[in-house]
Amino acid sequence: MAKVKLPLMSMTASGNFASGSMQVRSYGGYSSIYKPPNPIIQNKQEPSTKQRARRNLVRMILAEWRSMTQEERDLWRPRAAKQNHANHWAAYLSARLKQEAETAATLYTAEYEQIFTNDGHQLLTD
């Protein structure tokens, strides 16, 4: 049974039909019918190393958030409002990701300085 609102080819039609194998969406006053991608086929690739690292970092930050008391979490509400974040969790996640990026950049810079002298000549060679 169709789950489409309004006549199928009208300007404001939206929803699923044909058991969800086809979808109707409206974009800027135009309706379009498309077949959604199959997520089983679409996601054949394994996540890259960088993707896995990022996901693990977000998991670690989420664990930190969950270990905080409600009072500690509430301290992030004014910052969320000031920075137009959706909620205090989003503000905390954003701040921690920036902090981790700065830490990684600092470590990378320190490693670079150990390898190269001030005039750009390489100290260590393979």
PDB file of N, CA and C in Angstrom:
ATOM      1  N   MET A   1       0.840  -1.176   0.000  1.00  0.00           N
ATOM      2  CA  MET A   1       0.000   0.000   0.000  1.00  0.00           C
ATOM      3  C   MET A   1       0.886   1.240   0.000  1.00  0.00           C
ATOM      4  N   ALA A   2       0.478   2.245  -0.736  1.00  0.00           N
ATOM      5  CA  ALA A   2       1.255   3.473  -0.868  1.00  0.00           C
ATOM      6  C   ALA A   2       1.202   4.283   0.412  1.00  0.00           C
ATOM      7  N   LYS A   3       2.303   4.938   0.715  1.00  0.00           N
ATOM      8  CA  LYS A   3       2.378   5.823   1.869  1.00  0.00           C
ATOM      9  C   LYS A   3       2.675   7.244   1.395  1.00  0.00           C
ATOM     10  N   VAL A   4       2.183   7.582   0.210  1.00  0.00           N
ATOM     11  CA  VAL A   4       2.453   8.887  -0.384  1.00  0.00           C
ATOM     12  C   VAL A   4       1.385   9.861   0.063  1.00  0.00           C
ATOM     13  N   LYS A   5       1.807  11.077   0.429  1.00  0.00           N
ATOM     14  CA  LYS A   5       0.870  12.124   0.809  1.00  0.00           C
ATOM     15  C   LYS A   5       0.547  12.947  -0.424  1.00  0.00           C
ATOM     16  N   LEU A   6      -0.716  13.239  -0.638  1.00  0.00           N
ATOM     17  CA  LEU A   6      -1.224  14.000  -1.783  1.00  0.00           C
ATOM     18  C   LEU A   6      -1.050  13.194  -3.071  1.00  0.00           C
ATOM     19  N   PRO A   7      -1.579  13.664  -4.198  1.00  0.00           N
ATOM     20  CA  PRO A   7      -1.439  12.905  -5.446  1.00  0.00           C
ATOM     21  C   PRO A   7       0.037  12.681  -5.804  1.00  0.00           C
ATOM     22  N   LEU A   8       0.337  11.513  -6.345  1.00  0.00           N
ATOM     23  CA  LEU A   8       1.715  11.077  -6.558  1.00  0.00           C
ATOM     24  C   LEU A   8       2.572  12.076  -7.319  1.00  0.00           C
ATOM     25  N   MET A   9       2.112  12.619  -8.415  1.00  0.00           N
ATOM     26  CA  MET A   9       2.947  13.515  -9.212  1.00  0.00           C
ATOM     27  C   MET A   9       2.653  14.993  -8.941  1.00  0.00           C
ATOM     28  N   SER A  10       2.016  15.294  -7.807  1.00  0.00           N
ATOM     29  CA  SER A  10       1.745  16.694  -7.479  1.00  0.00           C
ATOM     30  C   SER A  10       3.024  17.369  -7.009  1.00  0.00           C
ATOM     31  N   MET A  11       2.986  18.686  -6.922  1.00  0.00           N
ATOM     32  CA  MET A  11       4.159  19.457  -6.516  1.00  0.00           C
ATOM     33  C   MET A  11       4.540  19.212  -5.057  1.00  0.00           C
ATOM     34  N   THR A  12       3.596  18.726  -4.260  1.00  0.00           N
ATOM     35  CA  THR A  12       3.874  18.554  -2.835  1.00  0.00           C
ATOM     36  C   THR A  12       3.838  17.105  -2.398  1.00  0.00           C
ATOM     37  N   ALA A  13       3.947  16.182  -3.324  1.00  0.00           N
ATOM     38  CA  ALA A  13       3.925  14.759  -2.970  1.00  0.00           C
ATOM     39  C   ALA A  13       5.195  14.403  -2.205  1.00  0.00           C
ATOM     40  N   SER A  14       5.072  13.487  -1.249  1.00  0.00           N
ATOM     41  CA  SER A  14       6.233  12.982  -0.519  1.00  0.00           C
ATOM     42  C   SER A  14       5.871  11.642   0.089  1.00  0.00           C
ATOM     43  N   GLY A  15       6.875  10.801   0.328  1.00  0.00           N
ATOM     44  CA  GLY A  15       6.646   9.520   0.972  1.00  0.00           C
ATOM     45  C   GLY A  15       7.187   8.353   0.180  1.00  0.00           C
ATOM     46  N   ASN A  16       6.795   7.135   0.572  1.00  0.00           N
ATOM     47  CA  ASN A  16       7.256   5.890  -0.043  1.00  0.00           C
ATOM     48  C   ASN A  16       6.096   5.193  -0.741  1.00  0.00           C
ATOM     49  N   PHE A  17       6.417   4.435  -1.784  1.00  0.00           N
ATOM     50  CA  PHE A  17       5.419   3.543  -2.383  1.00  0.00           C
ATOM     51  C   PHE A  17       6.140   2.332  -2.937  1.00  0.00           C
ATOM     52  N   ALA A  18       5.395   1.331  -3.349  1.00  0.00           N
ATOM     53  CA  ALA A  18       5.943   0.054  -3.827  1.00  0.00           C
ATOM     54  C   ALA A  18       6.781  -0.587  -2.726  1.00  0.00           C
ATOM     55  N   SER A  19       6.212  -0.685  -1.534  1.00  0.00           N
ATOM     56  CA  SER A  19       6.865  -1.303  -0.373  1.00  0.00           C
ATOM     57  C   SER A  19       8.199  -0.642  -0.037  1.00  0.00           C
ATOM     58  N   GLY A  20       8.289   0.658  -0.230  1.00  0.00           N
ATOM     59  CA  GLY A  20       9.494   1.395   0.110  1.00  0.00           C
ATOM     60  C   GLY A  20      10.605   1.308  -0.914  1.00  0.00           C
ATOM     61  N   SER A  21      10.357   0.595  -2.035  1.00  0.00           N
ATOM     62  CA  SER A  21      11.404   0.480  -3.041  1.00  0.00           C
ATOM     63  C   SER A  21      11.525   1.744  -3.885  1.00  0.00           C
ATOM     64  N   MET A  22      10.546   2.627  -3.822  1.00  0.00           N
ATOM     65  CA  MET A  22      10.585   3.913  -4.506  1.00  0.00           C
ATOM     66  C   MET A  22      10.184   4.986  -3.503  1.00  0.00           C
ATOM     67  N   GLN A  23      10.796   6.159  -3.623  1.00  0.00           N
ATOM     68  CA  GLN A  23      10.484   7.253  -2.719  1.00  0.00           C
ATOM     69  C   GLN A  23      10.214   8.519  -3.513  1.00  0.00           C
ATOM     70  N   VAL A  24       9.331   9.341  -2.977  1.00  0.00           N
ATOM     71  CA  VAL A  24       9.008  10.628  -3.582  1.00  0.00           C
ATOM     72  C   VAL A  24       9.487  11.701  -2.627  1.00  0.00           C
ATOM     73  N   ARG A  25      10.281  12.624  -3.139  1.00  0.00           N
ATOM     74  CA  ARG A  25      10.771  13.734  -2.326  1.00  0.00           C
ATOM     75  C   ARG A  25      10.522  15.039  -3.055  1.00  0.00           C
ATOM     76  N   SER A  26      10.353  16.092  -2.278  1.00  0.00           N
ATOM     77  CA  SER A  26      10.149  17.421  -2.848  1.00  0.00           C
ATOM     78  C   SER A  26      11.373  18.278  -2.583  1.00  0.00           C
ATOM     79  N   TYR A  27      11.863  18.914  -3.619  1.00  0.00           N
ATOM     80  CA  TYR A  27      13.002  19.817  -3.513  1.00  0.00           C
ATOM     81  C   TYR A  27      12.629  21.133  -4.175  1.00  0.00           C
ATOM     82  N   GLY A  28      12.547  22.182  -3.418  1.00  0.00           N
ATOM     83  CA  GLY A  28      12.274  23.502  -3.985  1.00  0.00           C
ATOM     84  C   GLY A  28      11.018  23.565  -4.824  1.00  0.00           C
ATOM     85  N   GLY A  29       9.979  22.880  -4.427  1.00  0.00           N
ATOM     86  CA  GLY A  29       8.729  22.922  -5.165  1.00  0.00           C
ATOM     87  C   GLY A  29       8.593  21.856  -6.237  1.00  0.00           C
ATOM     88  N   TYR A  30       9.634  21.068  -6.474  1.00  0.00           N
ATOM     89  CA  TYR A  30       9.577  19.998  -7.463  1.00  0.00           C
ATOM     90  C   TYR A  30       9.578  18.650  -6.763  1.00  0.00           C
ATOM     91  N   SER A  31       8.786  17.733  -7.276  1.00  0.00           N
ATOM     92  CA  SER A  31       8.774  16.380  -6.739  1.00  0.00           C
ATOM     93  C   SER A  31       9.626  15.476  -7.614  1.00  0.00           C
ATOM     94  N   SER A  32      10.346  14.576  -6.988  1.00  0.00           N
ATOM     95  CA  SER A  32      11.142  13.612  -7.749  1.00  0.00           C
ATOM     96  C   SER A  32      10.950  12.223  -7.155  1.00  0.00           C
ATOM     97  N   ILE A  33      10.970  11.239  -8.038  1.00  0.00           N
ATOM     98  CA  ILE A  33      10.840   9.842  -7.625  1.00  0.00           C
ATOM     99  C   ILE A  33      12.192   9.181  -7.846  1.00  0.00           C
ATOM    100  N   TYR A  34      12.663   8.452  -6.862  1.00  0.00           N
ATOM    101  CA  TYR A  34      13.938   7.772  -7.004  1.00  0.00           C
ATOM    102  C   TYR A  34      13.929   6.465  -6.237  1.00  0.00           C
ATOM    103  N   LYS A  35      14.854   5.630  -6.593  1.00  0.00           N
ATOM    104  CA  LYS A  35      15.026   4.361  -5.901  1.00  0.00           C
ATOM    105  C   LYS A  35      16.166   4.540  -4.900  1.00  0.00           C
ATOM    106  N   PRO A  36      15.889   4.375  -3.598  1.00  0.00           N
ATOM    107  CA  PRO A  36      16.943   4.586  -2.606  1.00  0.00           C
ATOM    108  C   PRO A  36      18.030   3.516  -2.732  1.00  0.00           C
ATOM    109  N   PRO A  37      19.280   3.858  -2.364  1.00  0.00           N
ATOM    110  CA  PRO A  37      20.360   2.878  -2.455  1.00  0.00           C
ATOM    111  C   PRO A  37      20.179   1.750  -1.453  1.00  0.00           C
ATOM    112  N   ASN A  38      20.676   0.601  -1.808  1.00  0.00           N
ATOM    113  CA  ASN A  38      20.629  -0.551  -0.912  1.00  0.00           C
ATOM    114  C   ASN A  38      21.820  -0.446   0.040  1.00  0.00           C
ATOM    115  N   PRO A  39      21.583  -0.268   1.343  1.00  0.00           N
ATOM    116  CA  PRO A  39      22.706  -0.073   2.262  1.00  0.00           C
ATOM    117  C   PRO A  39      23.628  -1.292   2.360  1.00  0.00           C
ATOM    118  N   ILE A  40      23.127  -2.469   2.098  1.00  0.00           N
ATOM    119  CA  ILE A  40      23.965  -3.669   2.158  1.00  0.00           C
ATOM    120  C   ILE A  40      24.995  -3.642   1.032  1.00  0.00           C
ATOM    121  N   ILE A  41      24.570  -3.233  -0.148  1.00  0.00           N
ATOM    122  CA  ILE A  41      25.473  -3.163  -1.292  1.00  0.00           C
ATOM    123  C   ILE A  41      26.343  -1.910  -1.210  1.00  0.00           C
ATOM    124  N   GLN A  42      25.762  -0.823  -0.752  1.00  0.00           N
ATOM    125  CA  GLN A  42      26.437   0.470  -0.739  1.00  0.00           C
ATOM    126  C   GLN A  42      27.662   0.470   0.183  1.00  0.00           C
ATOM    127  N   ASN A  43      27.607  -0.197   1.313  1.00  0.00           N
ATOM    128  CA  ASN A  43      28.672  -0.130   2.304  1.00  0.00           C
ATOM    129  C   ASN A  43      29.581  -1.359   2.276  1.00  0.00           C
ATOM    130  N   LYS A  44      30.073  -1.717   1.115  1.00  0.00           N
ATOM    131  CA  LYS A  44      30.948  -2.879   1.015  1.00  0.00           C
ATOM    132  C   LYS A  44      32.351  -2.585   1.532  1.00  0.00           C
ATOM    133  N   GLN A  45      32.801  -1.350   1.400  1.00  0.00           N
ATOM    134  CA  GLN A  45      34.156  -1.001   1.796  1.00  0.00           C
ATOM    135  C   GLN A  45      34.304  -0.964   3.304  1.00  0.00           C
ATOM    136  N   GLU A  46      35.453  -1.421   3.767  1.00  0.00           N
ATOM    137  CA  GLU A  46      35.791  -1.298   5.177  1.00  0.00           C
ATOM    138  C   GLU A  46      36.166   0.156   5.452  1.00  0.00           C
ATOM    139  N   PRO A  47      35.932   0.639   6.664  1.00  0.00           N
ATOM    140  CA  PRO A  47      36.340   2.005   6.985  1.00  0.00           C
ATOM    141  C   PRO A  47      37.863   2.135   6.900  1.00  0.00           C
ATOM    142  N   SER A  48      38.315   3.300   6.474  1.00  0.00           N
ATOM    143  CA  SER A  48      39.755   3.540   6.386  1.00  0.00           C
ATOM    144  C   SER A  48      40.348   3.631   7.795  1.00  0.00           C
ATOM    145  N   THR A  49      41.659   3.597   7.868  1.00  0.00           N
ATOM    146  CA  THR A  49      42.346   3.706   9.156  1.00  0.00           C
ATOM    147  C   THR A  49      42.012   5.041   9.809  1.00  0.00           C
ATOM    148  N   LYS A  50      41.978   6.093   9.007  1.00  0.00           N
ATOM    149  CA  LYS A  50      41.653   7.420   9.526  1.00  0.00           C
ATOM    150  C   LYS A  50      40.224   7.462  10.064  1.00  0.00           C
ATOM    151  N   GLN A  51      39.300   6.818   9.339  1.00  0.00           N
ATOM    152  CA  GLN A  51      37.901   6.760   9.779  1.00  0.00           C
ATOM    153  C   GLN A  51      37.777   5.999  11.099  1.00  0.00           C
ATOM    154  N   ARG A  52      38.461   4.863  11.187  1.00  0.00           N
ATOM    155  CA  ARG A  52      38.421   4.073  12.428  1.00  0.00           C
ATOM    156  C   ARG A  52      38.980   4.866  13.594  1.00  0.00           C
ATOM    157  N   ALA A  53      40.087   5.571  13.352  1.00  0.00           N
ATOM    158  CA  ALA A  53      40.695   6.374  14.414  1.00  0.00           C
ATOM    159  C   ALA A  53      39.738   7.463  14.877  1.00  0.00           C
ATOM    160  N   ARG A  54      39.074   8.121  13.934  1.00  0.00           N
ATOM    161  CA  ARG A  54      38.127   9.184  14.281  1.00  0.00           C
ATOM    162  C   ARG A  54      36.946   8.621  15.075  1.00  0.00           C
ATOM    163  N   ARG A  55      36.418   7.482  14.641  1.00  0.00           N
ATOM    164  CA  ARG A  55      35.299   6.857  15.360  1.00  0.00           C
ATOM    165  C   ARG A  55      35.707   6.456  16.770  1.00  0.00           C
ATOM    166  N   ASN A  56      36.912   5.930  16.928  1.00  0.00           N
ATOM    167  CA  ASN A  56      37.400   5.556  18.256  1.00  0.00           C
ATOM    168  C   ASN A  56      37.579   6.784  19.135  1.00  0.00           C
ATOM    169  N   LEU A  57      38.049   7.885  18.540  1.00  0.00           N
ATOM    170  CA  LEU A  57      38.200   9.131  19.289  1.00  0.00           C
ATOM    171  C   LEU A  57      36.848   9.627  19.781  1.00  0.00           C
ATOM    172  N   VAL A  58      35.836   9.597  18.921  1.00  0.00           N
ATOM    173  CA  VAL A  58      34.497  10.033  19.325  1.00  0.00           C
ATOM    174  C   VAL A  58      33.947   9.106  20.412  1.00  0.00           C
ATOM    175  N   ARG A  59      34.212   7.804  20.315  1.00  0.00           N
ATOM    176  CA  ARG A  59      33.782   6.866  21.368  1.00  0.00           C
ATOM    177  C   ARG A  59      34.444   7.213  22.702  1.00  0.00           C
ATOM    178  N   MET A  60      35.736   7.552  22.666  1.00  0.00           N
ATOM    179  CA  MET A  60      36.459   7.905  23.878  1.00  0.00           C
ATOM    180  C   MET A  60      35.879   9.184  24.496  1.00  0.00           C
ATOM    181  N   ILE A  61      35.588  10.172  23.650  1.00  0.00           N
ATOM    182  CA  ILE A  61      35.019  11.432  24.133  1.00  0.00           C
ATOM    183  C   ILE A  61      33.623  11.197  24.701  1.00  0.00           C
ATOM    184  N   LEU A  62      32.847  10.325  24.062  1.00  0.00           N
ATOM    185  CA  LEU A  62      31.512   9.995  24.570  1.00  0.00           C
ATOM    186  C   LEU A  62      31.604   9.311  25.932  1.00  0.00           C
ATOM    187  N   ALA A  63      32.586   8.448  26.111  1.00  0.00           N
ATOM    188  CA  ALA A  63      32.778   7.799  27.409  1.00  0.00           C
ATOM    189  C   ALA A  63      33.126   8.834  28.483  1.00  0.00           C
ATOM    190  N   GLU A  64      33.942   9.831  28.128  1.00  0.00           N
ATOM    191  CA  GLU A  64      34.259  10.921  29.064  1.00  0.00           C
ATOM    192  C   GLU A  64      32.983  11.667  29.439  1.00  0.00           C
ATOM    193  N   TRP A  65      32.163  11.977  28.433  1.00  0.00           N
ATOM    194  CA  TRP A  65      30.912  12.710  28.649  1.00  0.00           C
ATOM    195  C   TRP A  65      29.990  11.940  29.584  1.00  0.00           C
ATOM    196  N   ARG A  66      29.882  10.650  29.343  1.00  0.00           N
ATOM    197  CA  ARG A  66      28.983   9.833  30.170  1.00  0.00           C
ATOM    198  C   ARG A  66      29.483   9.694  31.603  1.00  0.00           C
ATOM    199  N   SER A  67      30.789   9.832  31.803  1.00  0.00           N
ATOM    200  CA  SER A  67      31.331   9.729  33.159  1.00  0.00           C
ATOM    201  C   SER A  67      31.215  11.042  33.937  1.00  0.00           C
ATOM    202  N   MET A  68      30.838  12.126  33.269  1.00  0.00           N
ATOM    203  CA  MET A  68      30.689  13.425  33.929  1.00  0.00           C
ATOM    204  C   MET A  68      29.396  13.474  34.732  1.00  0.00           C
ATOM    205  N   THR A  69      29.412  14.268  35.786  1.00  0.00           N
ATOM    206  CA  THR A  69      28.180  14.474  36.554  1.00  0.00           C
ATOM    207  C   THR A  69      27.279  15.435  35.770  1.00  0.00           C
ATOM    208  N   GLN A  70      26.013  15.505  36.167  1.00  0.00           N
ATOM    209  CA  GLN A  70      25.077  16.401  35.491  1.00  0.00           C
ATOM    210  C   GLN A  70      25.503  17.854  35.656  1.00  0.00           C
ATOM    211  N   GLU A  71      26.069  18.194  36.814  1.00  0.00           N
ATOM    212  CA  GLU A  71      26.532  19.563  37.050  1.00  0.00           C
ATOM    213  C   GLU A  71      27.667  19.922  36.088  1.00  0.00           C
ATOM    214  N   GLU A  72      28.583  18.983  35.868  1.00  0.00           N
ATOM    215  CA  GLU A  72      29.685  19.221  34.928  1.00  0.00           C
ATOM    216  C   GLU A  72      29.156  19.384  33.496  1.00  0.00           C
ATOM    217  N   ARG A  73      28.178  18.572  33.145  1.00  0.00           N
ATOM    218  CA  ARG A  73      27.584  18.682  31.807  1.00  0.00           C
ATOM    219  C   ARG A  73      26.871  20.017  31.624  1.00  0.00           C
ATOM    220  N   ASP A  74      26.176  20.466  32.669  1.00  0.00           N
ATOM    221  CA  ASP A  74      25.418  21.716  32.578  1.00  0.00           C
ATOM    222  C   ASP A  74      26.319  22.931  32.384  1.00  0.00           C
ATOM    223  N   LEU A  75      27.582  22.827  32.764  1.00  0.00           N
ATOM    224  CA  LEU A  75      28.518  23.924  32.538  1.00  0.00           C
ATOM    225  C   LEU A  75      28.730  24.194  31.049  1.00  0.00           C
ATOM    226  N   TRP A  76      28.411  23.228  30.201  1.00  0.00           N
ATOM    227  CA  TRP A  76      28.591  23.378  28.752  1.00  0.00           C
ATOM    228  C   TRP A  76      27.388  24.028  28.077  1.00  0.00           C
ATOM    229  N   ARG A  77      26.273  24.197  28.780  1.00  0.00           N
ATOM    230  CA  ARG A  77      25.071  24.794  28.175  1.00  0.00           C
ATOM    231  C   ARG A  77      25.287  26.239  27.706  1.00  0.00           C
ATOM    232  N   PRO A  78      25.891  27.122  28.523  1.00  0.00           N
ATOM    233  CA  PRO A  78      26.106  28.497  28.033  1.00  0.00           C
ATOM    234  C   PRO A  78      27.025  28.537  26.806  1.00  0.00           C
ATOM    235  N   ARG A  79      28.028  27.701  26.803  1.00  0.00           N
ATOM    236  CA  ARG A  79      28.939  27.661  25.648  1.00  0.00           C
ATOM    237  C   ARG A  79      28.200  27.183  24.399  1.00  0.00           C
ATOM    238  N   ALA A  80      27.316  26.196  24.580  1.00  0.00           N
ATOM    239  CA  ALA A  80      26.539  25.689  23.437  1.00  0.00           C
ATOM    240  C   ALA A  80      25.662  26.791  22.858  1.00  0.00           C
ATOM    241  N   ALA A  81      25.020  27.551  23.724  1.00  0.00           N
ATOM    242  CA  ALA A  81      24.154  28.637  23.255  1.00  0.00           C
ATOM    243  C   ALA A  81      24.973  29.728  22.573  1.00  0.00           C
ATOM    244  N   LYS A  82      26.130  30.051  23.149  1.00  0.00           N
ATOM    245  CA  LYS A  82      26.979  31.105  22.597  1.00  0.00           C
ATOM    246  C   LYS A  82      27.524  30.728  21.222  1.00  0.00           C
ATOM    247  N   GLN A  83      27.869  29.467  21.034  1.00  0.00           N
ATOM    248  CA  GLN A  83      28.477  29.011  19.782  1.00  0.00           C
ATOM    249  C   GLN A  83      27.470  28.395  18.820  1.00  0.00           C
ATOM    250  N   ASN A  84      26.176  28.534  19.119  1.00  0.00           N
ATOM    251  CA  ASN A  84      25.095  28.029  18.263  1.00  0.00           C
ATOM    252  C   ASN A  84      25.163  26.522  18.035  1.00  0.00           C
ATOM    253  N   HIS A  85      25.545  25.781  19.058  1.00  0.00           N
ATOM    254  CA  HIS A  85      25.498  24.323  18.975  1.00  0.00           C
ATOM    255  C   HIS A  85      24.087  23.858  19.317  1.00  0.00           C
ATOM    256  N   ALA A  86      23.727  22.687  18.821  1.00  0.00           N
ATOM    257  CA  ALA A  86      22.382  22.159  19.048  1.00  0.00           C
ATOM    258  C   ALA A  86      22.136  21.874  20.529  1.00  0.00           C
ATOM    259  N   ASN A  87      23.167  21.416  21.232  1.00  0.00           N
ATOM    260  CA  ASN A  87      23.038  21.098  22.650  1.00  0.00           C
ATOM    261  C   ASN A  87      24.418  21.099  23.305  1.00  0.00           C
ATOM    262  N   HIS A  88      24.441  20.859  24.614  1.00  0.00           N
ATOM    263  CA  HIS A  88      25.711  20.923  25.336  1.00  0.00           C
ATOM    264  C   HIS A  88      26.647  19.773  24.972  1.00  0.00           C
ATOM    265  N   TRP A  89      26.116  18.632  24.572  1.00  0.00           N
ATOM    266  CA  TRP A  89      26.970  17.532  24.118  1.00  0.00           C
ATOM    267  C   TRP A  89      27.718  17.928  22.844  1.00  0.00           C
ATOM    268  N   ALA A  90      27.033  18.582  21.924  1.00  0.00           N
ATOM    269  CA  ALA A  90      27.663  19.008  20.676  1.00  0.00           C
ATOM    270  C   ALA A  90      28.780  20.019  20.953  1.00  0.00           C
ATOM    271  N   ALA A  91      28.559  20.908  21.922  1.00  0.00           N
ATOM    272  CA  ALA A  91      29.597  21.880  22.280  1.00  0.00           C
ATOM    273  C   ALA A  91      30.810  21.176  22.868  1.00  0.00           C
ATOM    274  N   TYR A  92      30.573  20.201  23.740  1.00  0.00           N
ATOM    275  CA  TYR A  92      31.669  19.457  24.360  1.00  0.00           C
ATOM    276  C   TYR A  92      32.437  18.660  23.312  1.00  0.00           C
ATOM    277  N   LEU A  93      31.716  17.965  22.439  1.00  0.00           N
ATOM    278  CA  LEU A  93      32.359  17.168  21.393  1.00  0.00           C
ATOM    279  C   LEU A  93      33.210  18.054  20.490  1.00  0.00           C
ATOM    280  N   SER A  94      32.680  19.184  20.083  1.00  0.00           N
ATOM    281  CA  SER A  94      33.413  20.100  19.217  1.00  0.00           C
ATOM    282  C   SER A  94      34.697  20.582  19.893  1.00  0.00           C
ATOM    283  N   ALA A  95      34.589  20.980  21.152  1.00  0.00           N
ATOM    284  CA  ALA A  95      35.759  21.479  21.881  1.00  0.00           C
ATOM    285  C   ALA A  95      36.813  20.389  22.041  1.00  0.00           C
ATOM    286  N   ARG A  96      36.388  19.185  22.377  1.00  0.00           N
ATOM    287  CA  ARG A  96      37.340  18.077  22.575  1.00  0.00           C
ATOM    288  C   ARG A  96      37.994  17.667  21.262  1.00  0.00           C
ATOM    289  N   LEU A  97      37.251  17.662  20.163  1.00  0.00           N
ATOM    290  CA  LEU A  97      37.845  17.325  18.866  1.00  0.00           C
ATOM    291  C   LEU A  97      38.890  18.365  18.464  1.00  0.00           C
ATOM    292  N   LYS A  98      38.591  19.640  18.725  1.00  0.00           N
ATOM    293  CA  LYS A  98      39.571  20.697  18.438  1.00  0.00           C
ATOM    294  C   LYS A  98      40.809  20.521  19.309  1.00  0.00           C
ATOM    295  N   GLN A  99      40.594  20.182  20.572  1.00  0.00           N
ATOM    296  CA  GLN A  99      41.708  19.978  21.495  1.00  0.00           C
ATOM    297  C   GLN A  99      42.584  18.806  21.032  1.00  0.00           C
ATOM    298  N   GLU A 100      41.953  17.717  20.605  1.00  0.00           N
ATOM    299  CA  GLU A 100      42.704  16.560  20.119  1.00  0.00           C
ATOM    300  C   GLU A 100      43.467  16.894  18.851  1.00  0.00           C
ATOM    301  N   ALA A 101      42.876  17.699  17.971  1.00  0.00           N
ATOM    302  CA  ALA A 101      43.558  18.100  16.741  1.00  0.00           C
ATOM    303  C   ALA A 101      44.774  18.963  17.055  1.00  0.00           C
ATOM    304  N   GLU A 102      44.632  19.874  18.021  1.00  0.00           N
ATOM    305  CA  GLU A 102      45.761  20.717  18.423  1.00  0.00           C
ATOM    306  C   GLU A 102      46.877  19.882  19.051  1.00  0.00           C
ATOM    307  N   THR A 103      46.498  18.898  19.859  1.00  0.00           N
ATOM    308  CA  THR A 103      47.487  18.011  20.471  1.00  0.00           C
ATOM    309  C   THR A 103      48.231  17.233  19.402  1.00  0.00           C
ATOM    310  N   ALA A 104      47.504  16.719  18.426  1.00  0.00           N
ATOM    311  CA  ALA A 104      48.145  15.965  17.335  1.00  0.00           C
ATOM    312  C   ALA A 104      49.070  16.871  16.533  1.00  0.00           C
ATOM    313  N   ALA A 105      48.651  18.110  16.291  1.00  0.00           N
ATOM    314  CA  ALA A 105      49.496  19.045  15.545  1.00  0.00           C
ATOM    315  C   ALA A 105      50.763  19.377  16.322  1.00  0.00           C
ATOM    316  N   THR A 106      50.638  19.515  17.633  1.00  0.00           N
ATOM    317  CA  THR A 106      51.801  19.789  18.479  1.00  0.00           C
ATOM    318  C   THR A 106      52.768  18.621  18.450  1.00  0.00           C
ATOM    319  N   LEU A 107      52.242  17.403  18.555  1.00  0.00           N
ATOM    320  CA  LEU A 107      53.100  16.213  18.505  1.00  0.00           C
ATOM    321  C   LEU A 107      53.783  16.091  17.154  1.00  0.00           C
ATOM    322  N   TYR A 108      53.040  16.376  16.087  1.00  0.00           N
ATOM    323  CA  TYR A 108      53.601  16.308  14.743  1.00  0.00           C
ATOM    324  C   TYR A 108      54.717  17.339  14.589  1.00  0.00           C
ATOM    325  N   THR A 109      54.491  18.552  15.104  1.00  0.00           N
ATOM    326  CA  THR A 109      55.500  19.611  15.020  1.00  0.00           C
ATOM    327  C   THR A 109      56.742  19.231  15.805  1.00  0.00           C
ATOM    328  N   ALA A 110      56.559  18.673  16.993  1.00  0.00           N
ATOM    329  CA  ALA A 110      57.704  18.258  17.811  1.00  0.00           C
ATOM    330  C   ALA A 110      58.493  17.160  17.099  1.00  0.00           C
ATOM    331  N   GLU A 111      57.789  16.235  16.482  1.00  0.00           N
ATOM    332  CA  GLU A 111      58.455  15.159  15.733  1.00  0.00           C
ATOM    333  C   GLU A 111      59.205  15.737  14.537  1.00  0.00           C
ATOM    334  N   TYR A 112      58.601  16.696  13.854  1.00  0.00           N
ATOM    335  CA  TYR A 112      59.230  17.339  12.699  1.00  0.00           C
ATOM    336  C   TYR A 112      60.509  18.062  13.132  1.00  0.00           C
ATOM    337  N   GLU A 113      60.446  18.752  14.270  1.00  0.00           N
ATOM    338  CA  GLU A 113      61.613  19.486  14.756  1.00  0.00           C
ATOM    339  C   GLU A 113      62.750  18.555  15.147  1.00  0.00           C
ATOM    340  N   GLN A 114      62.434  17.340  15.560  1.00  0.00           N
ATOM    341  CA  GLN A 114      63.478  16.375  15.893  1.00  0.00           C
ATOM    342  C   GLN A 114      64.157  15.855  14.629  1.00  0.00           C
ATOM    343  N   ILE A 115      63.438  15.826  13.529  1.00  0.00           N
ATOM    344  CA  ILE A 115      63.977  15.269  12.285  1.00  0.00           C
ATOM    345  C   ILE A 115      64.767  16.311  11.509  1.00  0.00           C
ATOM    346  N   PHE A 116      64.327  17.568  11.536  1.00  0.00           N
ATOM    347  CA  PHE A 116      64.957  18.602  10.721  1.00  0.00           C
ATOM    348  C   PHE A 116      65.620  19.669  11.589  1.00  0.00           C
ATOM    349  N   THR A 117      66.700  20.228  11.099  1.00  0.00           N
ATOM    350  CA  THR A 117      67.334  21.357  11.768  1.00  0.00           C
ATOM    351  C   THR A 117      66.609  22.629  11.379  1.00  0.00           C
ATOM    352  N   ASN A 118      67.001  23.743  11.970  1.00  0.00           N
ATOM    353  CA  ASN A 118      66.339  25.020  11.675  1.00  0.00           C
ATOM    354  C   ASN A 118      66.511  25.451  10.231  1.00  0.00           C
ATOM    355  N   ASP A 119      67.621  25.093   9.584  1.00  0.00           N
ATOM    356  CA  ASP A 119      67.829  25.515   8.197  1.00  0.00           C
ATOM    357  C   ASP A 119      67.234  24.541   7.191  1.00  0.00           C
ATOM    358  N   GLY A 120      66.497  23.534   7.662  1.00  0.00           N
ATOM    359  CA  GLY A 120      65.781  22.643   6.761  1.00  0.00           C
ATOM    360  C   GLY A 120      66.535  21.416   6.345  1.00  0.00           C
ATOM    361  N   HIS A 121      67.779  21.229   6.819  1.00  0.00           N
ATOM    362  CA  HIS A 121      68.522  20.020   6.456  1.00  0.00           C
ATOM    363  C   HIS A 121      68.065  18.854   7.321  1.00  0.00           C
ATOM    364  N   GLN A 122      67.962  17.714   6.699  1.00  0.00           N
ATOM    365  CA  GLN A 122      67.463  16.543   7.394  1.00  0.00           C
ATOM    366  C   GLN A 122      68.547  15.953   8.284  1.00  0.00           C
ATOM    367  N   LEU A 123      68.168  15.693   9.542  1.00  0.00           N
ATOM    368  CA  LEU A 123      69.102  15.093  10.487  1.00  0.00           C
ATOM    369  C   LEU A 123      69.108  13.561  10.369  1.00  0.00           C
ATOM    370  N   LEU A 124      67.899  13.010  10.286  1.00  0.00           N
ATOM    371  CA  LEU A 124      67.770  11.553  10.213  1.00  0.00           C
ATOM    372  C   LEU A 124      67.516  11.135   8.786  1.00  0.00           C
ATOM    373  N   THR A 125      68.182  10.117   8.339  1.00  0.00           N
ATOM    374  CA  THR A 125      67.948   9.614   6.981  1.00  0.00           C
ATOM    375  C   THR A 125      67.624   8.137   7.053  1.00  0.00           C
ATOM    376  N   ASP A 126      66.914   7.688   6.036  1.00  0.00           N
ATOM    377  CA  ASP A 126      66.562   6.264   5.976  1.00  0.00           C
ATOM    378  C   ASP A 126      67.701   5.465   5.379  1.00  0.00           C
TER     379      ASP A 126
END
